[in-house]
Protein backbone atom coordinates (compact mmCIF):
# COMPACT_ATOMS: atom_id res chain seq x y z
CA MET A 1 84.42 101.65 123.25
CA ILE A 2 81.70 104.19 124.05
CA MET A 3 82.30 107.85 123.31
CA SER A 4 79.91 110.75 123.04
CA SER A 5 77.34 110.54 120.19
CA ASP A 6 78.59 111.65 116.77
CA ARG A 7 82.29 111.54 117.61
CA ARG A 8 82.04 107.95 118.81
CA TYR A 9 80.57 106.98 115.44
CA SER A 10 83.23 108.96 113.56
CA ALA A 11 86.11 107.46 115.55
CA TRP A 12 84.75 103.95 115.10
CA ILE A 13 84.67 104.31 111.32
CA VAL A 14 88.15 105.87 111.36
CA SER A 15 89.51 102.90 113.31
CA LEU A 16 88.13 100.49 110.73
CA MET A 17 89.63 102.50 107.89
CA LEU A 18 93.03 102.65 109.55
CA LEU A 19 93.15 98.96 110.35
CA THR A 20 92.05 97.84 106.89
CA ALA A 21 93.95 100.55 104.97
CA ALA A 22 91.12 100.43 102.46
CA LEU A 23 90.98 104.10 101.57
CA PRO A 24 93.54 106.51 100.08
CA VAL A 25 94.84 109.59 101.87
CA VAL A 26 92.14 112.23 102.22
CA GLN A 27 92.84 115.15 99.94
CA ALA A 28 93.18 117.91 102.49
CA GLN A 29 94.48 120.38 99.94
CA ILE A 30 93.05 121.23 96.57
CA LEU A 31 95.40 120.21 93.80
CA PRO A 32 95.15 121.59 90.27
CA ALA A 33 92.61 119.63 88.24
CA GLU A 34 95.31 118.54 85.79
CA ALA A 35 97.35 117.02 88.62
CA ARG A 36 94.36 115.18 90.07
CA GLU A 37 93.45 113.78 86.68
CA ALA A 38 97.01 112.50 86.28
CA GLY A 39 96.68 110.59 89.55
CA PHE A 40 98.41 112.91 92.02
CA THR A 41 97.22 112.86 95.63
CA ALA A 42 97.40 115.88 97.91
CA ILE A 43 99.73 115.46 100.91
CA ARG A 44 99.47 117.45 104.10
CA ASP A 45 101.78 118.07 107.05
CA LYS A 46 104.81 116.33 105.58
CA ARG A 47 108.10 118.08 104.96
CA ILE A 48 111.24 116.96 103.21
CA ARG A 49 114.11 116.12 105.53
CA PRO A 50 117.69 117.31 105.01
CA TYR A 51 119.82 115.37 102.57
CA THR A 52 122.99 115.78 100.51
CA LEU A 53 123.98 113.79 97.44
CA LYS A 54 126.01 113.89 94.24
CA SER A 55 124.43 113.83 90.79
CA LEU A 56 125.84 111.76 87.95
CA SER A 57 127.71 114.87 86.81
CA GLY A 58 129.39 115.17 90.22
CA THR A 59 127.37 118.20 91.32
CA VAL A 60 126.60 118.27 95.03
CA ILE A 61 122.87 118.69 95.65
CA SER A 62 121.15 119.25 98.99
CA ALA A 63 117.63 119.90 100.18
CA LYS A 64 118.85 123.22 101.57
CA ASP A 65 120.09 124.33 98.15
CA LEU A 66 116.67 123.64 96.63
CA ASP A 67 114.65 125.08 99.50
CA GLU A 68 113.71 128.30 97.72
CA LYS A 69 112.18 126.67 94.67
CA PRO A 70 109.60 123.96 93.95
CA VAL A 71 111.06 120.61 92.92
CA LEU A 72 109.62 117.55 91.20
CA TYR A 73 111.33 114.32 92.28
CA HIS A 74 111.01 111.08 90.34
CA ILE A 75 111.90 107.92 92.25
CA TRP A 76 113.08 105.39 89.65
CA SER A 77 113.72 101.68 89.96
CA PRO A 78 115.35 99.50 87.29
CA THR A 79 113.36 96.58 88.69
CA ASN A 80 109.92 98.18 88.46
CA ASP A 81 110.69 100.30 85.40
CA PRO A 82 113.36 98.40 83.47
CA SER A 83 112.63 100.18 80.20
CA GLY A 84 113.19 103.59 81.80
CA LEU A 85 109.81 105.07 80.87
CA GLY A 86 109.88 107.29 83.94
CA LEU A 87 113.30 108.61 82.99
CA ALA A 88 112.00 109.43 79.50
CA VAL A 89 109.04 111.32 80.96
CA ALA A 90 111.36 113.24 83.31
CA ALA A 91 113.61 114.09 80.35
CA ASP A 92 110.67 115.32 78.28
CA LEU A 93 109.43 117.44 81.18
CA SER A 94 112.84 119.05 81.66
CA THR A 95 112.80 120.02 77.98
CA GLU A 96 109.17 121.14 77.79
CA LEU A 97 109.27 123.05 81.09
CA PRO A 98 112.53 125.02 80.99
CA GLY A 99 113.49 126.35 84.39
CA ALA A 100 111.53 123.68 86.26
CA GLU A 101 113.63 121.84 88.85
CA ILE A 102 113.29 118.12 88.14
CA LEU A 103 115.45 115.51 89.85
CA VAL A 104 115.58 111.74 89.38
CA LEU A 105 116.58 109.62 92.39
CA THR A 106 117.27 105.90 92.55
CA THR A 107 118.81 103.35 94.89
CA ALA A 108 120.41 101.69 91.86
CA THR A 109 124.12 101.94 91.12
CA THR A 110 125.72 104.72 89.12
CA SER A 111 126.41 102.43 86.18
CA ARG A 112 122.79 101.26 85.90
CA LEU A 113 121.40 104.78 86.11
CA SER A 114 123.99 106.21 83.70
CA ALA A 115 123.18 103.55 81.13
CA ARG A 116 119.53 104.55 81.10
CA VAL A 117 120.05 108.30 81.35
CA SER A 118 122.37 108.19 78.34
CA GLN A 119 119.43 106.96 76.26
CA THR A 120 117.39 110.08 77.08
CA THR A 121 117.83 113.84 76.91
CA LEU A 122 117.93 114.05 80.71
CA GLY A 123 121.10 115.78 81.83
CA GLU A 124 123.37 113.97 84.27
CA GLN A 125 123.05 116.90 86.66
CA ARG A 126 119.38 115.94 87.09
CA ALA A 127 119.95 112.34 88.19
CA ALA A 128 121.50 110.76 91.28
CA ALA A 129 122.28 107.10 92.01
CA SER A 130 122.56 105.39 95.41
CA ALA A 131 120.23 108.10 96.72
CA GLN A 132 118.70 106.14 99.60
CA ASP A 133 119.08 109.05 102.03
CA ALA A 134 117.32 111.51 99.73
CA ILE A 135 114.50 109.04 99.06
CA ARG A 136 114.05 108.51 102.79
CA ALA A 137 114.01 112.30 103.19
CA LEU A 138 110.92 112.28 100.97
CA GLY A 139 109.16 109.71 103.13
CA ASN A 140 110.52 106.61 101.35
CA PRO A 141 107.77 106.20 98.72
CA PRO A 142 107.98 102.97 96.71
CA ALA A 143 109.34 103.32 93.17
CA PRO A 144 108.19 104.35 90.71
CA ALA A 145 106.86 107.51 92.31
CA TRP A 146 106.62 111.23 91.65
CA VAL A 147 106.86 113.63 94.58
CA PHE A 148 106.27 117.38 94.28
CA VAL A 149 107.84 119.57 96.94
CA ALA A 150 106.84 123.22 97.21
CA ALA A 151 109.29 126.04 97.82
CA GLY A 152 110.03 125.97 101.52
CA GLY A 153 110.20 122.17 101.71
CA GLU A 154 106.56 121.14 102.12
CA ILE A 155 105.61 117.92 100.32
CA VAL A 156 102.31 118.75 98.63
CA ALA A 157 101.63 116.06 96.01
CA LEU A 158 102.40 112.40 95.41
CA LYS A 159 101.85 110.11 92.44
CA LEU A 160 102.60 106.43 92.96
CA GLY A 161 103.23 104.39 89.85
CA ARG A 162 103.91 105.50 86.31
CA LEU A 163 103.01 108.98 85.11
CA ASP A 164 101.21 108.98 81.78
CA SER A 165 103.28 110.88 79.24
CA GLY A 166 100.14 112.36 77.68
CA GLN A 167 99.09 113.97 80.97
CA ALA A 168 102.51 114.70 82.43
CA LYS A 169 103.23 118.13 80.94
CA GLN A 170 99.91 119.74 81.88
CA ALA A 171 99.88 118.15 85.34
CA ILE A 172 103.42 119.14 86.26
CA ALA A 173 103.12 122.60 84.73
CA ALA A 174 100.00 123.17 86.84
CA LEU A 175 101.83 122.11 90.00
CA PHE A 176 104.76 124.44 89.32
CA GLN A 177 102.34 127.25 88.52
CA THR A 178 100.34 126.71 91.71
CA TRP A 179 103.38 126.44 93.98
CA LYS A 180 105.80 128.97 92.54
CA THR A 181 109.05 130.13 94.11
CA VAL A 182 107.33 131.93 96.99
CA PRO A 183 107.15 129.49 99.92
CA ARG A 184 103.90 128.93 101.73
CA PRO A 185 103.80 130.08 105.39
CA ILE A 186 105.67 127.65 107.64
CA LEU A 187 104.39 127.23 111.18
CA PRO A 188 106.40 125.85 114.10
CA THR A 189 106.30 122.06 114.04
CA GLY A 190 106.76 119.14 116.33
CA PRO A 191 108.58 116.02 115.06
CA ALA A 192 110.02 116.56 111.59
CA GLU A 193 108.23 113.62 110.02
CA LEU A 194 104.76 114.39 111.34
CA PRO A 195 104.46 118.02 112.42
CA GLY A 196 101.59 119.07 114.67
CA VAL A 197 100.76 122.73 115.09
CA ALA A 198 98.55 124.25 117.77
CA SER A 199 99.41 127.92 117.30
CA THR A 200 102.12 130.15 115.90
CA THR A 201 103.33 131.23 119.34
CA GLN A 202 103.32 128.14 121.55
CA PRO A 203 103.78 124.37 121.19
CA ALA A 204 100.82 122.05 120.82
CA ALA A 205 99.21 121.15 124.14
CA ARG A 206 98.38 117.56 124.94
CA PRO A 207 94.57 117.36 124.84
CA ALA A 208 92.88 116.34 128.07
CA THR A 209 89.92 114.95 126.14
CA MET A 210 89.36 114.14 122.51
CA PRO A 211 88.73 117.41 120.62
CA ARG A 212 86.35 117.70 117.71
CA ALA A 213 88.36 117.52 114.49
CA THR A 214 88.12 120.63 112.35
CA PRO A 215 87.08 119.76 108.79
CA SER A 216 89.86 120.86 106.44
CA VAL A 217 89.02 118.91 103.32
CA GLY A 218 88.89 121.07 100.21
CA LEU A 219 85.76 120.97 98.08
CA ASN A 220 85.90 119.64 94.56
CA THR A 221 86.35 122.14 91.77
CA GLY A 222 83.06 123.87 91.01
CA LEU A 223 81.46 123.28 94.42
CA ALA A 224 80.62 126.35 96.45
CA ASN A 225 79.60 124.55 99.63
CA ALA A 226 79.10 121.16 101.19
CA ASP A 227 75.37 121.41 101.89
CA PHE A 228 74.84 118.12 100.04
CA ALA A 229 76.66 116.26 102.84
CA GLN A 230 75.30 115.41 106.25
CA PRO A 231 77.23 116.88 109.23
CA ILE A 232 78.20 113.39 110.35
CA GLU A 233 79.69 112.71 106.89
CA ILE A 234 81.85 115.83 107.07
CA ASP A 235 82.86 114.89 110.62
CA ILE A 236 83.94 111.42 109.48
CA VAL A 237 86.08 112.85 106.68
CA ALA A 238 87.64 115.37 109.08
CA GLU A 239 88.30 112.66 111.66
CA LEU A 240 89.87 110.41 109.04
CA ASN A 241 92.01 113.30 107.82
CA LEU A 242 93.27 113.98 111.33
CA ALA A 243 94.06 110.32 112.02
CA ARG A 244 95.79 109.58 108.73
CA THR A 245 97.79 112.78 108.30
CA ARG A 246 98.76 113.21 111.97
CA PRO A 247 98.81 109.70 113.44
CA GLU A 248 101.17 110.61 116.30
CA LEU A 249 98.77 113.31 117.48
CA TYR A 250 95.81 110.96 117.09
CA MET A 251 97.66 108.31 119.09
CA GLU A 252 98.01 110.83 121.93
CA ILE A 253 94.27 111.52 121.74
CA LEU A 254 93.52 107.81 122.01
CA ASN A 255 95.98 107.47 124.88
CA ASP A 256 94.19 110.26 126.74
CA TYR A 257 90.86 108.51 126.30
CA ARG A 258 92.31 105.21 127.35
CA ALA A 259 93.48 106.72 130.62
CA TYR A 260 89.85 107.29 131.64
CA ILE A 261 88.85 103.64 131.17
CA ARG A 262 88.48 101.60 134.33
CA GLY A 263 87.64 98.00 133.50
CA ASN A 264 84.47 98.22 131.46
CA ARG A 265 83.60 101.81 132.43
CA LEU A 266 84.58 105.18 131.01
CA GLU A 267 85.03 107.50 134.02
CA LYS A 268 85.77 111.09 133.05
CA PRO A 269 85.95 113.68 135.85
CA GLY A 270 82.68 115.54 136.32
CA GLU A 271 80.77 113.28 133.92
CA THR A 272 78.43 110.34 134.39
CA PRO A 273 80.33 107.02 134.01
CA ILE A 274 79.53 105.14 130.80
CA LEU A 275 79.34 101.38 130.52
CA LEU A 276 81.64 99.97 127.82
CA GLU A 277 81.44 96.76 125.84
CA GLU A 278 85.11 96.13 125.08
CA GLY A 279 87.03 98.44 127.39
CA THR A 280 90.57 99.29 126.33
CA LYS A 281 90.52 96.61 123.60
CA ALA A 282 88.54 99.00 121.37
CA VAL A 283 91.29 101.65 121.50
CA ALA A 284 93.61 100.55 118.71
CA ILE A 285 96.77 102.29 119.89
CA GLU A 286 99.30 99.58 119.04
CA PRO A 287 98.25 99.12 115.39
CA ILE A 288 98.49 102.87 114.82
CA SER A 289 101.83 103.29 116.60
CA SER A 290 103.34 100.38 114.68
CA ILE A 291 102.82 102.07 111.31
CA PRO A 292 106.27 103.24 110.08
CA PHE A 293 106.99 106.66 108.67
CA SER A 294 106.11 106.02 105.08
CA TRP A 295 103.35 106.67 102.60
CA TRP A 296 99.96 105.20 103.49
């Protein structure tokens, strides 16, 4: 498909990245260095959904009850972590970081979770079995996983796989310190799973043409500017960020472009028609729309 100059090149590269899933989520927020070193990835525009469950101690826990404080969730699986290393790390963190809200979730049965929890110092009030709904509320990350939710319900960091015990305390302490009990500003959103915000006073408008993505990728620690990068490189990162963190919005953008294609020509009102090579085949709407709500 032919688009205008730099954006055409950016969108083409983004399409390849989406279809091959070869790159991780772009870090659109700056995480504490300790968290990055421990393998956490910054997450943007995802919020925890409502859930209610009972802990092993019988305490009723809900997302609403925890909304005013940051929470670290550990998704545990007896299949992928049969020795319970993740549970031991969660137990150590709850001891070393008093006051920190740490909750272990699993789809396993109560008996299997209780057996493992009893071998650690993790209190039963911090663990919940058969917690499929709560795990789905977090985006359904595959176990083992660590998900950090800021006060106010925004999911800000994700670690897939095991968390190294030697790095855990500093990484998690840094996350709790960065996102304290004061919630970050919450703007009006669209769909709960993939919010899209145009302004604080009106809903997002459907774009008539593909807008230029605004770069929102944080610089690495110690960098004052991005002069080392070419404008097209920054544009590609911004485009990738937009497509991967807000795929529903990006699908609408592609749909709008597709509407202007007539056969092998791009015919936009008031503009000179452009000859295309592949026509609508180059607009990968179906592969993007078929991606389920889950972690990339």
